[in-house]
C-alpha atoms as a PDB file:
ATOM      1  CA  UNK A   1     -10.910 -22.146   2.828  1.00  0.00           C
ATOM      2  CA  UNK A   2     -11.422 -19.856  -0.149  1.00  0.00           C
ATOM      3  CA  UNK A   3     -13.001 -16.444   0.224  1.00  0.00           C
ATOM      4  CA  UNK A   4     -16.736 -16.077  -0.467  1.00  0.00           C
ATOM      5  CA  UNK A   5     -17.067 -14.075  -3.686  1.00  0.00           C
ATOM      6  CA  UNK A   6     -19.904 -11.911  -5.003  1.00  0.00           C
ATOM      7  CA  UNK A   7     -21.378 -12.696  -8.381  1.00  0.00           C
ATOM      8  CA  UNK A   8     -19.594 -10.998 -11.279  1.00  0.00           C
ATOM      9  CA  UNK A   9     -22.461  -8.573 -12.079  1.00  0.00           C
ATOM     10  CA  UNK A  10     -21.999  -7.106  -8.580  1.00  0.00           C
ATOM     11  CA  UNK A  11     -18.309  -6.271  -8.961  1.00  0.00           C
ATOM     12  CA  UNK A  12     -18.924  -2.709 -10.158  1.00  0.00           C
ATOM     13  CA  UNK A  13     -19.292  -1.096  -6.730  1.00  0.00           C
ATOM     14  CA  UNK A  14     -18.061  -1.374  -3.159  1.00  0.00           C
ATOM     15  CA  UNK A  15     -21.211  -2.090  -1.146  1.00  0.00           C
ATOM     16  CA  UNK A  16     -19.799  -0.974   2.225  1.00  0.00           C
ATOM     17  CA  UNK A  17     -19.184   2.612   3.237  1.00  0.00           C
ATOM     18  CA  UNK A  18     -15.728   3.751   4.342  1.00  0.00           C
ATOM     19  CA  UNK A  19     -14.933   6.158   7.132  1.00  0.00           C
ATOM     20  CA  UNK A  20     -12.670   9.181   6.857  1.00  0.00           C
ATOM     21  CA  UNK A  21      -9.394   9.078   8.778  1.00  0.00           C
ATOM     22  CA  UNK A  22      -8.024  12.430   7.610  1.00  0.00           C
ATOM     23  CA  UNK A  23      -7.760  14.906   4.745  1.00  0.00           C
ATOM     24  CA  UNK A  24      -5.220  15.257   1.961  1.00  0.00           C
ATOM     25  CA  UNK A  25      -3.255  18.400   1.166  1.00  0.00           C
ATOM     26  CA  UNK A  26      -6.059  19.427  -1.202  1.00  0.00           C
ATOM     27  CA  UNK A  27      -8.702  18.585   1.378  1.00  0.00           C
ATOM     28  CA  UNK A  28      -9.838  15.308  -0.171  1.00  0.00           C
ATOM     29  CA  UNK A  29     -11.086  12.657   2.259  1.00  0.00           C
ATOM     30  CA  UNK A  30      -8.655   9.904   3.199  1.00  0.00           C
ATOM     31  CA  UNK A  31     -10.887   6.841   3.345  1.00  0.00           C
ATOM     32  CA  UNK A  32     -10.493   3.549   5.164  1.00  0.00           C
ATOM     33  CA  UNK A  33     -12.691   0.474   4.994  1.00  0.00           C
ATOM     34  CA  UNK A  34     -12.521  -0.795   8.557  1.00  0.00           C
ATOM     35  CA  UNK A  35     -12.726  -4.449   9.581  1.00  0.00           C
ATOM     36  CA  UNK A  36     -15.798  -5.873  11.264  1.00  0.00           C
ATOM     37  CA  UNK A  37     -13.738  -7.046  14.230  1.00  0.00           C
ATOM     38  CA  UNK A  38     -10.214  -6.678  15.603  1.00  0.00           C
ATOM     39  CA  UNK A  39      -7.785  -5.385  12.987  1.00  0.00           C
ATOM     40  CA  UNK A  40      -5.029  -7.869  12.240  1.00  0.00           C
ATOM     41  CA  UNK A  41      -3.958  -6.517   8.853  1.00  0.00           C
ATOM     42  CA  UNK A  42      -3.888  -3.142   7.109  1.00  0.00           C
ATOM     43  CA  UNK A  43      -3.456  -3.069   3.335  1.00  0.00           C
ATOM     44  CA  UNK A  44      -2.928   0.265   1.610  1.00  0.00           C
ATOM     45  CA  UNK A  45      -2.332   1.377  -1.970  1.00  0.00           C
ATOM     46  CA  UNK A  46      -1.736   4.525  -3.986  1.00  0.00           C
ATOM     47  CA  UNK A  47       0.905   6.250  -1.853  1.00  0.00           C
ATOM     48  CA  UNK A  48       2.581   7.095  -5.164  1.00  0.00           C
ATOM     49  CA  UNK A  49       0.137   8.647  -7.617  1.00  0.00           C
ATOM     50  CA  UNK A  50       2.088   7.226 -10.564  1.00  0.00           C
ATOM     51  CA  UNK A  51       1.174   3.714  -9.385  1.00  0.00           C
ATOM     52  CA  UNK A  52      -2.620   3.763  -9.901  1.00  0.00           C
ATOM     53  CA  UNK A  53      -2.661   0.048 -10.691  1.00  0.00           C
ATOM     54  CA  UNK A  54      -2.218  -0.598  -6.963  1.00  0.00           C
ATOM     55  CA  UNK A  55      -5.436   1.262  -6.144  1.00  0.00           C
ATOM     56  CA  UNK A  56      -7.345  -0.419  -8.961  1.00  0.00           C
ATOM     57  CA  UNK A  57      -6.211  -3.923  -7.975  1.00  0.00           C
ATOM     58  CA  UNK A  58      -6.992  -3.444  -4.293  1.00  0.00           C
ATOM     59  CA  UNK A  59     -10.387  -1.965  -5.147  1.00  0.00           C
ATOM     60  CA  UNK A  60     -11.125  -4.889  -7.439  1.00  0.00           C
ATOM     61  CA  UNK A  61     -10.271  -7.332  -4.654  1.00  0.00           C
ATOM     62  CA  UNK A  62     -12.468  -5.525  -2.136  1.00  0.00           C
ATOM     63  CA  UNK A  63     -15.358  -5.397  -4.618  1.00  0.00           C
ATOM     64  CA  UNK A  64     -15.230  -9.145  -5.156  1.00  0.00           C
ATOM     65  CA  UNK A  65     -15.692 -10.074  -1.509  1.00  0.00           C
ATOM     66  CA  UNK A  66     -19.171 -11.203  -0.512  1.00  0.00           C
ATOM     67  CA  UNK A  67     -18.862  -9.583   2.920  1.00  0.00           C
ATOM     68  CA  UNK A  68     -16.633  -6.939   4.494  1.00  0.00           C
ATOM     69  CA  UNK A  69     -13.302  -8.328   5.692  1.00  0.00           C
ATOM     70  CA  UNK A  70     -13.509  -9.432   9.293  1.00  0.00           C
ATOM     71  CA  UNK A  71      -9.959  -8.572  10.325  1.00  0.00           C
ATOM     72  CA  UNK A  72      -8.506  -6.523   7.426  1.00  0.00           C
ATOM     73  CA  UNK A  73      -8.566  -2.748   6.987  1.00  0.00           C
ATOM     74  CA  UNK A  74      -8.229  -1.272   3.500  1.00  0.00           C
ATOM     75  CA  UNK A  75      -6.995   2.127   2.286  1.00  0.00           C
ATOM     76  CA  UNK A  76      -7.348   2.408  -1.488  1.00  0.00           C
ATOM     77  CA  UNK A  77      -5.750   5.822  -1.987  1.00  0.00           C
ATOM     78  CA  UNK A  78      -3.155   6.972   0.528  1.00  0.00           C
ATOM     79  CA  UNK A  79      -2.256   9.841  -1.823  1.00  0.00           C
ATOM     80  CA  UNK A  80      -5.482  10.852  -3.599  1.00  0.00           C
ATOM     81  CA  UNK A  81      -4.028  14.198  -4.715  1.00  0.00           C
ATOM     82  CA  UNK A  82      -1.215  12.435  -6.553  1.00  0.00           C
ATOM     83  CA  UNK A  83      -3.610   9.927  -8.099  1.00  0.00           C
ATOM     84  CA  UNK A  84      -5.892  12.584  -9.579  1.00  0.00           C
ATOM     85  CA  UNK A  85      -2.900  14.612 -10.821  1.00  0.00           C
ATOM     86  CA  UNK A  86      -0.938  11.614 -12.054  1.00  0.00           C
ATOM     87  CA  UNK A  87       2.111  12.529  -9.975  1.00  0.00           C
ATOM     88  CA  UNK A  88       4.276  10.460  -7.677  1.00  0.00           C
ATOM     89  CA  UNK A  89       4.109  13.235  -5.104  1.00  0.00           C
ATOM     90  CA  UNK A  90       1.214  14.854  -3.265  1.00  0.00           C
ATOM     91  CA  UNK A  91      -0.153  18.310  -4.125  1.00  0.00           C
ATOM     92  CA  UNK A  92       2.672  19.972  -2.208  1.00  0.00           C
ATOM     93  CA  UNK A  93       5.305  18.142  -4.237  1.00  0.00           C
ATOM     94  CA  UNK A  94       6.334  15.748  -1.468  1.00  0.00           C
ATOM     95  CA  UNK A  95       7.091  12.069  -1.965  1.00  0.00           C
ATOM     96  CA  UNK A  96       5.000  10.661   0.881  1.00  0.00           C
ATOM     97  CA  UNK A  97       7.045   7.471   0.964  1.00  0.00           C
ATOM     98  CA  UNK A  98      10.097   9.544   1.884  1.00  0.00           C
ATOM     99  CA  UNK A  99       8.305  11.613   4.531  1.00  0.00           C
ATOM    100  CA  UNK A 100       7.878   9.093   7.351  1.00  0.00           C
ATOM    101  CA  UNK A 101       9.656   9.834  10.653  1.00  0.00           C
ATOM    102  CA  UNK A 102      12.232   7.067  10.300  1.00  0.00           C
ATOM    103  CA  UNK A 103      15.714   7.431  11.732  1.00  0.00           C
ATOM    104  CA  UNK A 104      17.079   7.639   8.192  1.00  0.00           C
ATOM    105  CA  UNK A 105      14.815  10.529   7.094  1.00  0.00           C
ATOM    106  CA  UNK A 106      16.815  13.251   5.369  1.00  0.00           C
ATOM    107  CA  UNK A 107      15.851  16.758   4.166  1.00  0.00           C
ATOM    108  CA  UNK A 108      17.890  16.260   0.989  1.00  0.00           C
ATOM    109  CA  UNK A 109      15.876  15.991  -2.243  1.00  0.00           C
ATOM    110  CA  UNK A 110      15.213  12.440  -3.401  1.00  0.00           C
ATOM    111  CA  UNK A 111      15.068  11.173  -6.958  1.00  0.00           C
ATOM    112  CA  UNK A 112      13.043   8.624  -8.857  1.00  0.00           C
ATOM    113  CA  UNK A 113      12.851   7.154 -12.341  1.00  0.00           C
ATOM    114  CA  UNK A 114      10.205   7.892 -14.945  1.00  0.00           C
ATOM    115  CA  UNK A 115      10.556   4.310 -16.265  1.00  0.00           C
ATOM    116  CA  UNK A 116      12.522   1.271 -15.129  1.00  0.00           C
ATOM    117  CA  UNK A 117      15.045   1.859 -17.920  1.00  0.00           C
ATOM    118  CA  UNK A 118      15.685   5.513 -17.084  1.00  0.00           C
ATOM    119  CA  UNK A 119      18.161   6.987 -14.638  1.00  0.00           C
ATOM    120  CA  UNK A 120      16.865   8.052 -11.238  1.00  0.00           C
ATOM    121  CA  UNK A 121      17.135  11.755 -11.946  1.00  0.00           C
ATOM    122  CA  UNK A 122      13.704  13.279 -11.263  1.00  0.00           C
ATOM    123  CA  UNK A 123      14.118  15.259  -8.051  1.00  0.00           C
ATOM    124  CA  UNK A 124      11.287  15.671  -5.521  1.00  0.00           C
ATOM    125  CA  UNK A 125      11.016  16.778  -1.924  1.00  0.00           C
ATOM    126  CA  UNK A 126      10.917  14.511   1.156  1.00  0.00           C
ATOM    127  CA  UNK A 127       9.075  17.300   2.977  1.00  0.00           C
ATOM    128  CA  UNK A 128      10.180  20.224   5.104  1.00  0.00           C
ATOM    129  CA  UNK A 129      10.483  17.847   8.059  1.00  0.00           C
ATOM    130  CA  UNK A 130       9.706  14.240   8.853  1.00  0.00           C
ATOM    131  CA  UNK A 131       5.926  13.614   8.893  1.00  0.00           C
ATOM    132  CA  UNK A 132       5.286  17.150   7.625  1.00  0.00           C
ATOM    133  CA  UNK A 133       2.502  15.965   5.314  1.00  0.00           C
ATOM    134  CA  UNK A 134      -1.131  15.507   6.390  1.00  0.00           C
ATOM    135  CA  UNK A 135      -1.420  12.207   4.518  1.00  0.00           C
ATOM    136  CA  UNK A 136       1.509  10.743   6.466  1.00  0.00           C
ATOM    137  CA  UNK A 137       0.266  12.130   9.775  1.00  0.00           C
ATOM    138  CA  UNK A 138      -3.163  10.635   9.163  1.00  0.00           C
ATOM    139  CA  UNK A 139      -1.815   7.207   8.183  1.00  0.00           C
ATOM    140  CA  UNK A 140       0.379   7.047  11.284  1.00  0.00           C
ATOM    141  CA  UNK A 141      -2.601   8.001  13.461  1.00  0.00           C
ATOM    142  CA  UNK A 142      -4.722   5.333  11.770  1.00  0.00           C
ATOM    143  CA  UNK A 143      -2.084   2.667  12.421  1.00  0.00           C
ATOM    144  CA  UNK A 144      -1.835   3.798  16.037  1.00  0.00           C
ATOM    145  CA  UNK A 145      -5.616   3.484  16.340  1.00  0.00           C
ATOM    146  CA  UNK A 146      -6.073   0.151  14.551  1.00  0.00           C
ATOM    147  CA  UNK A 147      -2.867  -1.462  15.853  1.00  0.00           C
ATOM    148  CA  UNK A 148      -2.701  -4.064  13.058  1.00  0.00           C
ATOM    149  CA  UNK A 149      -0.413  -7.044  13.541  1.00  0.00           C
ATOM    150  CA  UNK A 150       1.010  -6.462  10.042  1.00  0.00           C
ATOM    151  CA  UNK A 151       0.792  -3.973   7.181  1.00  0.00           C
ATOM    152  CA  UNK A 152       1.025  -4.687   3.452  1.00  0.00           C
ATOM    153  CA  UNK A 153       1.896  -1.703   1.241  1.00  0.00           C
ATOM    154  CA  UNK A 154       1.191  -2.047  -2.480  1.00  0.00           C
ATOM    155  CA  UNK A 155       3.663  -0.575  -4.979  1.00  0.00           C
ATOM    156  CA  UNK A 156       4.810  -1.056  -8.584  1.00  0.00           C
ATOM    157  CA  UNK A 157       6.662  -2.044 -10.732  1.00  0.00           C
ATOM    158  CA  UNK A 158       9.692  -3.761  -9.079  1.00  0.00           C
ATOM    159  CA  UNK A 159       8.151  -7.262  -9.194  1.00  0.00           C
ATOM    160  CA  UNK A 160       9.058  -8.547  -5.754  1.00  0.00           C
ATOM    161  CA  UNK A 161       7.864  -9.089  -2.204  1.00  0.00           C
ATOM    162  CA  UNK A 162      10.051  -6.902   0.004  1.00  0.00           C
ATOM    163  CA  UNK A 163      10.036  -8.275   3.547  1.00  0.00           C
ATOM    164  CA  UNK A 164      13.131  -7.551   5.673  1.00  0.00           C
ATOM    165  CA  UNK A 165      11.980 -10.019   8.326  1.00  0.00           C
ATOM    166  CA  UNK A 166      11.116 -12.812   5.871  1.00  0.00           C
ATOM    167  CA  UNK A 167       7.902 -13.372   7.815  1.00  0.00           C
ATOM    168  CA  UNK A 168       5.345 -16.056   7.160  1.00  0.00           C
ATOM    169  CA  UNK A 169       3.179 -13.416   5.498  1.00  0.00           C
ATOM    170  CA  UNK A 170       5.988 -12.378   3.158  1.00  0.00           C
ATOM    171  CA  UNK A 171       6.834 -15.966   2.291  1.00  0.00           C
ATOM    172  CA  UNK A 172       3.202 -16.759   1.544  1.00  0.00           C
ATOM    173  CA  UNK A 173       2.797 -13.674  -0.650  1.00  0.00           C
ATOM    174  CA  UNK A 174       5.954 -14.565  -2.575  1.00  0.00           C
ATOM    175  CA  UNK A 175       4.781 -18.135  -3.124  1.00  0.00           C
ATOM    176  CA  UNK A 176       1.228 -17.165  -4.027  1.00  0.00           C
ATOM    177  CA  UNK A 177       2.193 -14.270  -6.326  1.00  0.00           C
ATOM    178  CA  UNK A 178       5.206 -16.120  -7.815  1.00  0.00           C
ATOM    179  CA  UNK A 179       7.379 -13.082  -7.112  1.00  0.00           C
ATOM    180  CA  UNK A 180      10.830 -13.242  -5.504  1.00  0.00           C
ATOM    181  CA  UNK A 181      11.108 -12.606  -1.773  1.00  0.00           C
ATOM    182  CA  UNK A 182      13.770  -9.974  -1.014  1.00  0.00           C
ATOM    183  CA  UNK A 183      14.994  -8.267   2.138  1.00  0.00           C
ATOM    184  CA  UNK A 184      15.355  -4.870   0.434  1.00  0.00           C
ATOM    185  CA  UNK A 185      14.879  -3.318  -2.999  1.00  0.00           C
ATOM    186  CA  UNK A 186      18.572  -2.698  -3.572  1.00  0.00           C
ATOM    187  CA  UNK A 187      18.798   1.052  -2.978  1.00  0.00           C
ATOM    188  CA  UNK A 188      18.403   3.496  -0.095  1.00  0.00           C
ATOM    189  CA  UNK A 189      14.883   4.584   0.857  1.00  0.00           C
ATOM    190  CA  UNK A 190      15.292   7.304   3.504  1.00  0.00           C
ATOM    191  CA  UNK A 191      12.063   8.210   5.240  1.00  0.00           C
ATOM    192  CA  UNK A 192      10.125   5.351   3.677  1.00  0.00           C
ATOM    193  CA  UNK A 193       7.216   3.615   5.365  1.00  0.00           C
ATOM    194  CA  UNK A 194       9.265   0.429   5.455  1.00  0.00           C
ATOM    195  CA  UNK A 195      12.151   2.230   7.185  1.00  0.00           C
ATOM    196  CA  UNK A 196       9.758   3.629   9.777  1.00  0.00           C
ATOM    197  CA  UNK A 197       8.299   0.179  10.369  1.00  0.00           C
ATOM    198  CA  UNK A 198      11.734  -1.338  10.837  1.00  0.00           C
ATOM    199  CA  UNK A 199      12.606   1.341  13.407  1.00  0.00           C
ATOM    200  CA  UNK A 200       9.475   0.456  15.389  1.00  0.00           C
ATOM    201  CA  UNK A 201       9.727  -3.310  14.952  1.00  0.00           C
ATOM    202  CA  UNK A 202       6.464  -3.425  12.993  1.00  0.00           C
ATOM    203  CA  UNK A 203       5.956  -6.218  10.444  1.00  0.00           C
ATOM    204  CA  UNK A 204       5.658  -4.436   7.095  1.00  0.00           C
ATOM    205  CA  UNK A 205       5.625  -6.203   3.748  1.00  0.00           C
ATOM    206  CA  UNK A 206       5.858  -4.318   0.456  1.00  0.00           C
ATOM    207  CA  UNK A 207       4.047  -6.046  -2.402  1.00  0.00           C
ATOM    208  CA  UNK A 208       5.629  -4.714  -5.609  1.00  0.00           C
ATOM    209  CA  UNK A 209       3.556  -5.519  -8.674  1.00  0.00           C
ATOM    210  CA  UNK A 210       5.480  -6.362 -11.855  1.00  0.00           C
ATOM    211  CA  UNK A 211       5.520  -4.146 -14.927  1.00  0.00           C
ATOM    212  CA  UNK A 212       2.561  -5.642 -16.793  1.00  0.00           C
ATOM    213  CA  UNK A 213      -0.648  -4.771 -18.580  1.00  0.00           C
ATOM    214  CA  UNK A 214      -3.580  -3.966 -16.327  1.00  0.00           C
ATOM    215  CA  UNK A 215      -5.484  -7.083 -17.369  1.00  0.00           C
ATOM    216  CA  UNK A 216      -2.500  -9.249 -16.477  1.00  0.00           C
ATOM    217  CA  UNK A 217      -2.253  -7.663 -13.025  1.00  0.00           C
ATOM    218  CA  UNK A 218      -5.980  -8.155 -12.458  1.00  0.00           C
ATOM    219  CA  UNK A 219      -5.821 -11.809 -13.459  1.00  0.00           C
ATOM    220  CA  UNK A 220      -2.651 -12.736 -11.569  1.00  0.00           C
ATOM    221  CA  UNK A 221      -2.623 -10.523  -8.481  1.00  0.00           C
ATOM    222  CA  UNK A 222      -6.204  -9.623  -7.570  1.00  0.00           C
ATOM    223  CA  UNK A 223      -6.936 -13.243  -6.494  1.00  0.00           C
ATOM    224  CA  UNK A 224      -3.940 -13.016  -4.139  1.00  0.00           C
ATOM    225  CA  UNK A 225      -5.341  -9.816  -2.633  1.00  0.00           C
ATOM    226  CA  UNK A 226      -8.797 -11.375  -2.261  1.00  0.00           C
ATOM    227  CA  UNK A 227      -7.300 -14.210  -0.200  1.00  0.00           C
ATOM    228  CA  UNK A 228      -5.139 -11.784   1.759  1.00  0.00           C
ATOM    229  CA  UNK A 229      -8.069  -9.551   2.737  1.00  0.00           C
ATOM    230  CA  UNK A 230     -10.375 -12.431   3.562  1.00  0.00           C
ATOM    231  CA  UNK A 231      -7.915 -14.267   5.793  1.00  0.00           C
ATOM    232  CA  UNK A 232      -6.073 -11.159   7.099  1.00  0.00           C
ATOM    233  CA  UNK A 233      -2.849 -12.950   6.235  1.00  0.00           C
ATOM    234  CA  UNK A 234      -1.906 -16.366   4.881  1.00  0.00           C
ATOM    235  CA  UNK A 235      -4.819 -18.843   4.845  1.00  0.00           C
ATOM    236  CA  UNK A 236      -4.615 -21.428   7.584  1.00  0.00           C
ATOM    237  CA  UNK A 237      -3.233 -24.706   6.344  1.00  0.00           C
END
């Protein structure tokens, strides 16, 4: 069953108010749109401020729904400080996706690429200690509160569905998005959210958008997110 959609003239705003689950390093509210009933799925975007397309696409999907998701929680901006500054890191210079208290967390600086073609040579901090950052602490507390059955983290631009467990959710996302299903992204990710989830046996799927124009992403991937939020996972056959 397809998701009930608002009329196009109504897509400009989110008609339901979020709640605040914490504060960023700069004191900005960390907002979550909670489900109407038991939380089965959490979808979050914008943990890297240089990936604003994830926030835009997830917002667009939420704005299209005719009613709040029944079983899906939504966080549009896990790293609002990075989004407003246009940086991968938060305001304290920490890569939040290397700050989770996974067994493989390391205090050594981590690097990233400025484009897919460049070398990974831009050094940033993983934090002074695991879970040192308020954004990470707040997200972990939110997950502990909501206890979702699965989490989908939106990233860009590796063009894949990263699902170490090759779950039904990951397989459906790969089929629906026409992106390859992989068990890892091909390089080490110490202190990542996915590493933390694996340590705690939590089903976590990373939805990596491809490198594409914004309009292409909206056309090809927002409908997938609409279905995902409405059904809190793959639609029932």
